[in-house]
Amino acid sequence: LLGAKGLPGETDVALPGPLPFILSRTYSSYRTKTPAPVGVFGPGWKAPSDIRLQLRDDGLILNDNGGQSIHFEPLLPGEAVYSRSES
């Protein structure tokens, strides 16, 4: 429908225990053209741990593990911000 190729989730490593460790990933060709940085598995791939915060001169960008890039402008002391898209 959107012209994007998606693959179901893949589990690469699963170690059982009291605190299990699971390394998994999914792929979407839609994510290859977004401004989000490339994750540990390469373009288009994402893992639950692929969350980044980019500090820039004009603010910061939160790249979440869903492929979104959320931009925040700098605030002066005492200022607050509200994002309708994230509520």
N, C-alpha and C. Protein backbone atom coordinates (compact mmCIF):
# COMPACT_ATOMS: atom_id res chain seq x y z
N LEU A 1 0.82 -1.19 0.00
CA LEU A 1 0.00 0.00 0.00
C LEU A 1 0.86 1.26 0.00
N LEU A 2 1.91 1.29 0.81
CA LEU A 2 2.79 2.45 0.87
C LEU A 2 4.05 2.27 0.05
N GLY A 3 4.23 1.11 -0.52
CA GLY A 3 5.44 0.85 -1.28
C GLY A 3 6.64 0.52 -0.42
N ALA A 4 6.41 0.20 0.84
CA ALA A 4 7.50 -0.14 1.75
C ALA A 4 7.52 -1.64 1.97
N LYS A 5 8.70 -2.19 2.10
CA LYS A 5 8.87 -3.61 2.38
C LYS A 5 9.13 -3.79 3.86
N GLY A 6 8.37 -4.67 4.50
CA GLY A 6 8.56 -4.95 5.91
C GLY A 6 8.79 -6.43 6.13
N LEU A 7 9.61 -6.75 7.09
CA LEU A 7 9.87 -8.14 7.46
C LEU A 7 9.44 -8.35 8.90
N PRO A 8 8.93 -9.54 9.22
CA PRO A 8 8.53 -9.79 10.61
C PRO A 8 9.75 -9.77 11.52
N GLY A 9 9.50 -9.66 12.81
CA GLY A 9 10.59 -9.61 13.78
C GLY A 9 11.45 -10.86 13.76
N GLU A 10 12.73 -10.66 14.00
CA GLU A 10 13.70 -11.75 14.08
C GLU A 10 14.33 -11.73 15.47
N THR A 11 14.43 -12.87 16.10
CA THR A 11 15.15 -12.98 17.37
C THR A 11 16.50 -13.60 17.06
N ASP A 12 17.56 -12.84 17.32
CA ASP A 12 18.91 -13.31 17.02
C ASP A 12 19.50 -14.10 18.18
N VAL A 13 19.26 -13.63 19.40
CA VAL A 13 19.80 -14.29 20.59
C VAL A 13 18.73 -14.24 21.68
N ALA A 14 18.51 -15.37 22.35
CA ALA A 14 17.61 -15.42 23.50
C ALA A 14 18.27 -16.27 24.58
N LEU A 15 18.66 -15.62 25.67
CA LEU A 15 19.31 -16.32 26.78
C LEU A 15 18.35 -16.32 27.98
N PRO A 16 17.87 -17.51 28.38
CA PRO A 16 16.94 -17.57 29.51
C PRO A 16 17.67 -17.31 30.83
N GLY A 17 16.91 -17.03 31.85
CA GLY A 17 17.48 -16.82 33.18
C GLY A 17 16.59 -15.91 34.00
N PRO A 18 17.00 -15.61 35.23
CA PRO A 18 16.21 -14.71 36.07
C PRO A 18 16.01 -13.34 35.42
N LEU A 19 17.00 -12.89 34.67
CA LEU A 19 16.90 -11.66 33.90
C LEU A 19 17.25 -12.02 32.45
N PRO A 20 16.25 -12.49 31.68
CA PRO A 20 16.54 -12.98 30.32
C PRO A 20 17.07 -11.88 29.41
N PHE A 21 17.92 -12.27 28.48
CA PHE A 21 18.47 -11.35 27.48
C PHE A 21 17.94 -11.76 26.12
N ILE A 22 17.28 -10.83 25.43
CA ILE A 22 16.74 -11.11 24.10
C ILE A 22 17.20 -10.01 23.16
N LEU A 23 17.84 -10.41 22.08
CA LEU A 23 18.28 -9.47 21.04
C LEU A 23 17.42 -9.75 19.81
N SER A 24 16.56 -8.78 19.47
CA SER A 24 15.65 -8.96 18.33
C SER A 24 15.70 -7.73 17.44
N ARG A 25 15.14 -7.87 16.23
CA ARG A 25 15.15 -6.77 15.26
C ARG A 25 14.00 -6.94 14.28
N THR A 26 13.62 -5.82 13.63
CA THR A 26 12.64 -5.83 12.56
C THR A 26 13.17 -4.95 11.43
N TYR A 27 12.60 -5.11 10.24
CA TYR A 27 13.06 -4.34 9.08
C TYR A 27 11.88 -3.67 8.38
N SER A 28 12.10 -2.45 7.94
CA SER A 28 11.16 -1.74 7.09
C SER A 28 11.94 -0.86 6.13
N SER A 29 11.67 -1.01 4.83
CA SER A 29 12.39 -0.18 3.85
C SER A 29 11.98 1.28 3.98
N TYR A 30 10.84 1.55 4.62
CA TYR A 30 10.41 2.94 4.85
C TYR A 30 11.43 3.68 5.71
N ARG A 31 12.02 2.98 6.67
CA ARG A 31 12.99 3.61 7.58
C ARG A 31 14.32 3.92 6.92
N THR A 32 14.56 3.45 5.73
CA THR A 32 15.85 3.72 5.09
C THR A 32 15.95 5.15 4.59
N LYS A 33 14.83 5.86 4.46
CA LYS A 33 14.85 7.22 3.94
C LYS A 33 14.53 8.27 5.00
N THR A 34 14.38 7.87 6.27
CA THR A 34 14.08 8.83 7.33
C THR A 34 15.36 9.49 7.81
N PRO A 35 15.26 10.66 8.48
CA PRO A 35 16.46 11.32 8.98
C PRO A 35 17.05 10.66 10.22
N ALA A 36 16.39 9.64 10.73
CA ALA A 36 16.91 8.96 11.92
C ALA A 36 18.25 8.30 11.61
N PRO A 37 19.16 8.31 12.57
CA PRO A 37 20.45 7.67 12.33
C PRO A 37 20.30 6.17 12.14
N VAL A 38 21.25 5.58 11.48
CA VAL A 38 21.24 4.14 11.23
C VAL A 38 21.51 3.41 12.54
N GLY A 39 20.73 2.38 12.82
CA GLY A 39 20.90 1.60 14.04
C GLY A 39 22.05 0.61 13.94
N VAL A 40 22.18 -0.23 14.94
CA VAL A 40 23.30 -1.16 15.01
C VAL A 40 23.24 -2.23 13.92
N PHE A 41 22.06 -2.50 13.36
CA PHE A 41 21.93 -3.53 12.33
C PHE A 41 21.99 -2.98 10.91
N GLY A 42 22.06 -1.66 10.75
CA GLY A 42 22.15 -1.06 9.42
C GLY A 42 20.87 -0.37 9.00
N PRO A 43 20.86 0.23 7.80
CA PRO A 43 19.70 0.98 7.32
C PRO A 43 18.43 0.12 7.25
N GLY A 44 17.33 0.67 7.76
CA GLY A 44 16.04 -0.01 7.71
C GLY A 44 15.77 -0.93 8.88
N TRP A 45 16.80 -1.38 9.57
CA TRP A 45 16.63 -2.29 10.70
C TRP A 45 16.46 -1.49 11.99
N LYS A 46 15.67 -2.03 12.92
CA LYS A 46 15.56 -1.41 14.23
C LYS A 46 15.53 -2.49 15.30
N ALA A 47 16.01 -2.11 16.46
CA ALA A 47 16.00 -2.98 17.63
C ALA A 47 15.34 -2.20 18.77
N PRO A 48 14.80 -2.90 19.77
CA PRO A 48 14.18 -2.18 20.89
C PRO A 48 15.12 -1.19 21.56
N SER A 49 16.41 -1.41 21.48
CA SER A 49 17.38 -0.51 22.12
C SER A 49 17.82 0.65 21.23
N ASP A 50 17.30 0.75 20.02
CA ASP A 50 17.71 1.83 19.09
C ASP A 50 16.99 3.13 19.41
N ILE A 51 17.35 3.74 20.53
CA ILE A 51 16.81 5.04 20.93
C ILE A 51 17.99 5.98 21.07
N ARG A 52 17.93 7.14 20.41
CA ARG A 52 19.05 8.08 20.43
C ARG A 52 18.57 9.49 20.69
N LEU A 53 19.44 10.26 21.30
CA LEU A 53 19.20 11.67 21.54
C LEU A 53 20.35 12.43 20.89
N GLN A 54 20.02 13.27 19.91
CA GLN A 54 21.04 14.04 19.19
C GLN A 54 20.98 15.48 19.67
N LEU A 55 22.08 15.96 20.24
CA LEU A 55 22.17 17.34 20.69
C LEU A 55 22.71 18.18 19.54
N ARG A 56 21.97 19.23 19.18
CA ARG A 56 22.35 20.11 18.08
C ARG A 56 22.31 21.56 18.55
N ASP A 57 22.90 22.45 17.77
CA ASP A 57 22.89 23.87 18.13
C ASP A 57 21.48 24.44 18.18
N ASP A 58 20.59 23.93 17.32
CA ASP A 58 19.22 24.46 17.25
C ASP A 58 18.22 23.65 18.07
N GLY A 59 18.69 22.81 18.99
CA GLY A 59 17.81 22.02 19.84
C GLY A 59 18.30 20.59 19.93
N LEU A 60 17.37 19.68 20.11
CA LEU A 60 17.75 18.27 20.12
C LEU A 60 16.70 17.45 19.40
N ILE A 61 17.11 16.26 18.99
CA ILE A 61 16.24 15.35 18.26
C ILE A 61 16.24 14.01 18.98
N LEU A 62 15.04 13.53 19.29
CA LEU A 62 14.88 12.21 19.88
C LEU A 62 14.49 11.26 18.75
N ASN A 63 15.32 10.26 18.51
CA ASN A 63 15.01 9.21 17.54
C ASN A 63 14.57 7.99 18.34
N ASP A 64 13.26 7.67 18.27
CA ASP A 64 12.77 6.55 19.06
C ASP A 64 12.91 5.23 18.30
N ASN A 65 12.62 4.13 18.99
CA ASN A 65 12.80 2.82 18.36
C ASN A 65 11.66 2.47 17.41
N GLY A 66 10.73 3.39 17.19
CA GLY A 66 9.67 3.20 16.20
C GLY A 66 9.97 3.90 14.89
N GLY A 67 11.11 4.56 14.81
CA GLY A 67 11.50 5.24 13.58
C GLY A 67 11.12 6.71 13.53
N GLN A 68 10.51 7.24 14.60
CA GLN A 68 10.14 8.65 14.63
C GLN A 68 11.33 9.52 15.00
N SER A 69 11.37 10.72 14.45
CA SER A 69 12.33 11.74 14.84
C SER A 69 11.53 12.90 15.41
N ILE A 70 11.69 13.16 16.70
CA ILE A 70 10.94 14.21 17.39
C ILE A 70 11.89 15.35 17.69
N HIS A 71 11.60 16.54 17.17
CA HIS A 71 12.47 17.70 17.31
C HIS A 71 12.02 18.56 18.48
N PHE A 72 12.98 19.02 19.28
CA PHE A 72 12.73 19.92 20.40
C PHE A 72 13.61 21.15 20.24
N GLU A 73 12.99 22.34 20.32
CA GLU A 73 13.74 23.59 20.23
C GLU A 73 14.27 23.94 21.61
N PRO A 74 15.35 24.73 21.67
CA PRO A 74 15.91 25.12 22.97
C PRO A 74 14.89 25.93 23.79
N LEU A 75 14.94 25.75 25.10
CA LEU A 75 14.07 26.49 26.01
C LEU A 75 14.92 27.39 26.90
N LEU A 76 14.37 28.52 27.26
CA LEU A 76 15.01 29.39 28.23
C LEU A 76 14.68 28.88 29.63
N PRO A 77 15.49 29.22 30.64
CA PRO A 77 15.17 28.79 32.00
C PRO A 77 13.76 29.20 32.39
N GLY A 78 13.00 28.26 32.94
CA GLY A 78 11.62 28.51 33.36
C GLY A 78 10.58 28.25 32.30
N GLU A 79 10.98 28.09 31.04
CA GLU A 79 10.03 27.80 29.96
C GLU A 79 9.64 26.32 29.99
N ALA A 80 8.46 26.04 29.43
CA ALA A 80 7.98 24.66 29.32
C ALA A 80 7.53 24.43 27.89
N VAL A 81 7.43 23.17 27.51
CA VAL A 81 6.98 22.83 26.17
C VAL A 81 5.95 21.71 26.27
N TYR A 82 5.01 21.71 25.32
CA TYR A 82 3.98 20.69 25.24
C TYR A 82 3.87 20.25 23.79
N SER A 83 3.93 18.97 23.55
CA SER A 83 3.85 18.44 22.19
C SER A 83 2.53 17.69 22.04
N ARG A 84 1.61 18.23 21.24
CA ARG A 84 0.32 17.56 21.04
C ARG A 84 0.49 16.21 20.35
N SER A 85 1.49 16.10 19.49
CA SER A 85 1.69 14.84 18.76
C SER A 85 2.18 13.72 19.67
N GLU A 86 2.71 14.04 20.83
CA GLU A 86 3.24 13.02 21.74
C GLU A 86 2.37 12.79 22.96
N SER A 87 1.17 13.37 22.99
CA SER A 87 0.31 13.19 24.17
C SER A 87 -0.65 12.04 23.98
